[in-house]
Amino acid sequence: MATTRTAKAHWEGSLMEGAGQVALESSGVGTYDVTWASRANDANGKTSPEELIAAAHSTCFSMALSHALAGAGHAPTSIDTQADVTFQPGEGITGIKLSVNGNVPGLTADEFAEYAEGAKKNCPVSQALSAVPITLDVTFTA
């Protein structure tokens, strides 16, 4: 069964001086402020499209990795993923770095790294963002 999730953005004013909000409509968990300055410089308590992409990517990757591991009989104790999405004004999103640490009983660090590479390739968000270089840094807790 397909699902659709919805977010709405409202913007007022020009790009440089304006401001807006993004509302996570499907979940209803909140409405968040956004400005050009918070996107191109310091966040200052506001979000950005890149932060929202990072949230989606780190979550999707963790889910895909957990699923692959469990499907192979290696249910993880924990998976912690950070996604760093780099935005360069005038160029756009120039790269995404995924950093994952896993605790999976019965696996070696090399085996975990193989599963992580597979999740990077097969995660639906990774696939949707395939036009952007995506790197992966893997650490493993035995």
C-alpha atoms as a PDB file:
ATOM      1  CA  MET A   1       0.000   0.000   0.000  1.00  0.00           C
ATOM      2  CA  ALA A   2       1.455   3.360  -1.030  1.00  0.00           C
ATOM      3  CA  THR A   3       1.523   6.231   1.418  1.00  0.00           C
ATOM      4  CA  THR A   4       1.805   9.951   0.822  1.00  0.00           C
ATOM      5  CA  ARG A   5       3.238  12.378   3.345  1.00  0.00           C
ATOM      6  CA  THR A   6       2.637  16.106   3.144  1.00  0.00           C
ATOM      7  CA  ALA A   7       4.504  19.224   4.193  1.00  0.00           C
ATOM      8  CA  LYS A   8       3.438  22.777   3.393  1.00  0.00           C
ATOM      9  CA  ALA A   9       5.588  25.851   3.058  1.00  0.00           C
ATOM     10  CA  HIS A  10       4.480  29.472   3.315  1.00  0.00           C
ATOM     11  CA  TRP A  11       6.845  32.272   2.272  1.00  0.00           C
ATOM     12  CA  GLU A  12       6.470  36.047   2.417  1.00  0.00           C
ATOM     13  CA  GLY A  13       8.756  38.598   0.787  1.00  0.00           C
ATOM     14  CA  SER A  14      11.854  38.333  -1.331  1.00  0.00           C
ATOM     15  CA  LEU A  15      14.398  35.552  -1.005  1.00  0.00           C
ATOM     16  CA  MET A  16      16.978  37.587   0.891  1.00  0.00           C
ATOM     17  CA  GLU A  17      14.685  39.597   3.173  1.00  0.00           C
ATOM     18  CA  GLY A  18      11.682  37.298   3.358  1.00  0.00           C
ATOM     19  CA  ALA A  19      10.783  34.552   5.775  1.00  0.00           C
ATOM     20  CA  GLY A  20       8.604  31.514   5.886  1.00  0.00           C
ATOM     21  CA  GLN A  21       7.488  28.444   7.707  1.00  0.00           C
ATOM     22  CA  VAL A  22       7.319  24.786   6.833  1.00  0.00           C
ATOM     23  CA  ALA A  23       4.609  22.681   8.446  1.00  0.00           C
ATOM     24  CA  LEU A  24       4.824  18.912   8.734  1.00  0.00           C
ATOM     25  CA  GLU A  25       1.191  18.318   7.868  1.00  0.00           C
ATOM     26  CA  SER A  26       0.940  14.529   7.848  1.00  0.00           C
ATOM     27  CA  SER A  27       2.311  14.054  11.323  1.00  0.00           C
ATOM     28  CA  GLY A  28       1.258  17.386  12.737  1.00  0.00           C
ATOM     29  CA  VAL A  29       4.427  17.496  14.824  1.00  0.00           C
ATOM     30  CA  GLY A  30       5.156  21.113  14.126  1.00  0.00           C
ATOM     31  CA  THR A  31       5.678  24.205  12.071  1.00  0.00           C
ATOM     32  CA  TYR A  32       9.223  25.481  11.696  1.00  0.00           C
ATOM     33  CA  ASP A  33      10.594  28.874  10.679  1.00  0.00           C
ATOM     34  CA  VAL A  34      12.968  29.256   7.748  1.00  0.00           C
ATOM     35  CA  THR A  35      14.833  32.189   6.197  1.00  0.00           C
ATOM     36  CA  TRP A  36      17.498  32.561   3.542  1.00  0.00           C
ATOM     37  CA  ALA A  37      19.978  33.581   6.240  1.00  0.00           C
ATOM     38  CA  SER A  38      19.251  30.401   8.210  1.00  0.00           C
ATOM     39  CA  ARG A  39      19.820  28.388   5.045  1.00  0.00           C
ATOM     40  CA  ALA A  40      22.966  30.058   3.750  1.00  0.00           C
ATOM     41  CA  ASN A  41      24.612  31.002   7.080  1.00  0.00           C
ATOM     42  CA  ASP A  42      23.975  30.017  10.704  1.00  0.00           C
ATOM     43  CA  ALA A  43      20.736  28.221  11.579  1.00  0.00           C
ATOM     44  CA  ASN A  44      19.890  30.590  14.477  1.00  0.00           C
ATOM     45  CA  GLY A  45      16.983  28.439  15.640  1.00  0.00           C
ATOM     46  CA  LYS A  46      15.454  28.005  12.186  1.00  0.00           C
ATOM     47  CA  THR A  47      15.464  25.016   9.852  1.00  0.00           C
ATOM     48  CA  SER A  48      16.312  24.705   6.148  1.00  0.00           C
ATOM     49  CA  PRO A  49      15.466  22.402   3.262  1.00  0.00           C
ATOM     50  CA  GLU A  50      18.873  20.786   3.724  1.00  0.00           C
ATOM     51  CA  GLU A  51      18.244  20.021   7.397  1.00  0.00           C
ATOM     52  CA  LEU A  52      14.923  18.440   6.483  1.00  0.00           C
ATOM     53  CA  ILE A  53      16.652  16.373   3.784  1.00  0.00           C
ATOM     54  CA  ALA A  54      19.283  15.320   6.334  1.00  0.00           C
ATOM     55  CA  ALA A  55      16.541  14.218   8.732  1.00  0.00           C
ATOM     56  CA  ALA A  56      14.830  12.197   6.019  1.00  0.00           C
ATOM     57  CA  HIS A  57      18.061  10.636   4.778  1.00  0.00           C
ATOM     58  CA  SER A  58      19.452   9.637   8.179  1.00  0.00           C
ATOM     59  CA  THR A  59      16.122   8.052   9.122  1.00  0.00           C
ATOM     60  CA  CYS A  60      15.616   6.211   5.832  1.00  0.00           C
ATOM     61  CA  PHE A  61      19.195   4.918   5.818  1.00  0.00           C
ATOM     62  CA  SER A  62      18.883   3.628   9.406  1.00  0.00           C
ATOM     63  CA  MET A  63      15.620   1.869   8.562  1.00  0.00           C
ATOM     64  CA  ALA A  64      17.054   0.286   5.394  1.00  0.00           C
ATOM     65  CA  LEU A  65      20.166  -0.898   7.230  1.00  0.00           C
ATOM     66  CA  SER A  66      18.138  -2.301  10.123  1.00  0.00           C
ATOM     67  CA  HIS A  67      15.874  -4.149   7.692  1.00  0.00           C
ATOM     68  CA  ALA A  68      18.780  -5.658   5.742  1.00  0.00           C
ATOM     69  CA  LEU A  69      20.546  -6.760   8.909  1.00  0.00           C
ATOM     70  CA  ALA A  70      17.429  -8.294  10.478  1.00  0.00           C
ATOM     71  CA  GLY A  71      16.566 -10.037   7.206  1.00  0.00           C
ATOM     72  CA  ALA A  72      19.979 -11.724   7.302  1.00  0.00           C
ATOM     73  CA  GLY A  73      19.463 -12.823  10.904  1.00  0.00           C
ATOM     74  CA  HIS A  74      21.491 -10.042  12.521  1.00  0.00           C
ATOM     75  CA  ALA A  75      19.024  -7.800  14.343  1.00  0.00           C
ATOM     76  CA  PRO A  76      20.941  -4.700  15.423  1.00  0.00           C
ATOM     77  CA  THR A  77      21.120  -3.571  19.026  1.00  0.00           C
ATOM     78  CA  SER A  78      21.427   0.004  17.737  1.00  0.00           C
ATOM     79  CA  ILE A  79      22.139   2.053  14.642  1.00  0.00           C
ATOM     80  CA  ASP A  80      22.992   5.750  14.927  1.00  0.00           C
ATOM     81  CA  THR A  81      23.153   7.724  11.695  1.00  0.00           C
ATOM     82  CA  GLN A  82      24.040  11.342  11.039  1.00  0.00           C
ATOM     83  CA  ALA A  83      23.487  12.953   7.641  1.00  0.00           C
ATOM     84  CA  ASP A  84      25.365  16.138   6.782  1.00  0.00           C
ATOM     85  CA  VAL A  85      23.894  17.887   3.736  1.00  0.00           C
ATOM     86  CA  THR A  86      26.137  20.601   2.298  1.00  0.00           C
ATOM     87  CA  PHE A  87      24.510  23.589   0.611  1.00  0.00           C
ATOM     88  CA  GLN A  88      26.602  26.065  -1.376  1.00  0.00           C
ATOM     89  CA  PRO A  89      24.754  29.276  -2.318  1.00  0.00           C
ATOM     90  CA  GLY A  90      24.822  29.654  -6.080  1.00  0.00           C
ATOM     91  CA  GLU A  91      25.529  25.953  -6.614  1.00  0.00           C
ATOM     92  CA  GLY A  92      22.928  24.088  -4.547  1.00  0.00           C
ATOM     93  CA  ILE A  93      23.362  20.866  -2.615  1.00  0.00           C
ATOM     94  CA  THR A  94      26.913  19.738  -3.299  1.00  0.00           C
ATOM     95  CA  GLY A  95      27.198  16.621  -1.173  1.00  0.00           C
ATOM     96  CA  ILE A  96      25.787  14.403   1.534  1.00  0.00           C
ATOM     97  CA  LYS A  97      27.861  12.598   4.129  1.00  0.00           C
ATOM     98  CA  LEU A  98      26.284   9.718   6.025  1.00  0.00           C
ATOM     99  CA  SER A  99      28.025   8.675   9.235  1.00  0.00           C
ATOM    100  CA  VAL A 100      26.767   5.504  10.880  1.00  0.00           C
ATOM    101  CA  ASN A 101      27.709   3.646  14.028  1.00  0.00           C
ATOM    102  CA  GLY A 102      26.242   0.229  14.579  1.00  0.00           C
ATOM    103  CA  ASN A 103      26.104  -2.275  17.379  1.00  0.00           C
ATOM    104  CA  VAL A 104      25.210  -5.635  15.874  1.00  0.00           C
ATOM    105  CA  PRO A 105      25.961  -8.839  17.793  1.00  0.00           C
ATOM    106  CA  GLY A 106      27.608 -11.550  15.730  1.00  0.00           C
ATOM    107  CA  LEU A 107      28.998  -9.319  12.964  1.00  0.00           C
ATOM    108  CA  THR A 108      32.479  -8.075  12.248  1.00  0.00           C
ATOM    109  CA  ALA A 109      33.189  -4.441  11.428  1.00  0.00           C
ATOM    110  CA  ASP A 110      33.836  -5.393   7.780  1.00  0.00           C
ATOM    111  CA  GLU A 111      30.520  -7.245   7.511  1.00  0.00           C
ATOM    112  CA  PHE A 112      28.682  -4.292   9.030  1.00  0.00           C
ATOM    113  CA  ALA A 113      30.374  -1.959   6.526  1.00  0.00           C
ATOM    114  CA  GLU A 114      29.128  -4.158   3.652  1.00  0.00           C
ATOM    115  CA  TYR A 115      25.550  -3.955   4.921  1.00  0.00           C
ATOM    116  CA  ALA A 116      25.919  -0.200   5.369  1.00  0.00           C
ATOM    117  CA  GLU A 117      27.098   0.218   1.754  1.00  0.00           C
ATOM    118  CA  GLY A 118      24.094  -1.787   0.605  1.00  0.00           C
ATOM    119  CA  ALA A 119      21.735   0.402   2.635  1.00  0.00           C
ATOM    120  CA  LYS A 120      23.339   3.538   1.165  1.00  0.00           C
ATOM    121  CA  LYS A 121      22.680   2.197  -2.326  1.00  0.00           C
ATOM    122  CA  ASN A 122      19.161   0.866  -1.671  1.00  0.00           C
ATOM    123  CA  CYS A 123      17.626   3.368   0.745  1.00  0.00           C
ATOM    124  CA  PRO A 124      14.774   5.103  -1.136  1.00  0.00           C
ATOM    125  CA  VAL A 125      15.988   8.552  -0.074  1.00  0.00           C
ATOM    126  CA  SER A 126      19.524   7.766  -1.291  1.00  0.00           C
ATOM    127  CA  GLN A 127      18.031   6.703  -4.598  1.00  0.00           C
ATOM    128  CA  ALA A 128      15.966   9.901  -4.824  1.00  0.00           C
ATOM    129  CA  LEU A 129      19.081  11.984  -4.109  1.00  0.00           C
ATOM    130  CA  SER A 130      21.386  10.058  -6.446  1.00  0.00           C
ATOM    131  CA  ALA A 131      22.263  13.197  -8.439  1.00  0.00           C
ATOM    132  CA  VAL A 132      24.270  14.358  -5.412  1.00  0.00           C
ATOM    133  CA  PRO A 133      27.530  12.709  -4.284  1.00  0.00           C
ATOM    134  CA  ILE A 134      26.841  10.628  -1.158  1.00  0.00           C
ATOM    135  CA  THR A 135      29.709   9.422   1.017  1.00  0.00           C
ATOM    136  CA  LEU A 136      29.589   6.982   3.914  1.00  0.00           C
ATOM    137  CA  ASP A 137      31.659   6.859   7.099  1.00  0.00           C
ATOM    138  CA  VAL A 138      31.161   3.629   9.081  1.00  0.00           C
ATOM    139  CA  THR A 139      32.110   2.846  12.664  1.00  0.00           C
ATOM    140  CA  PHE A 140      31.225  -0.322  14.523  1.00  0.00           C
ATOM    141  CA  THR A 141      30.796  -1.151  18.181  1.00  0.00           C
ATOM    142  CA  ALA A 142      31.417  -4.806  18.901  1.00  0.00           C
END
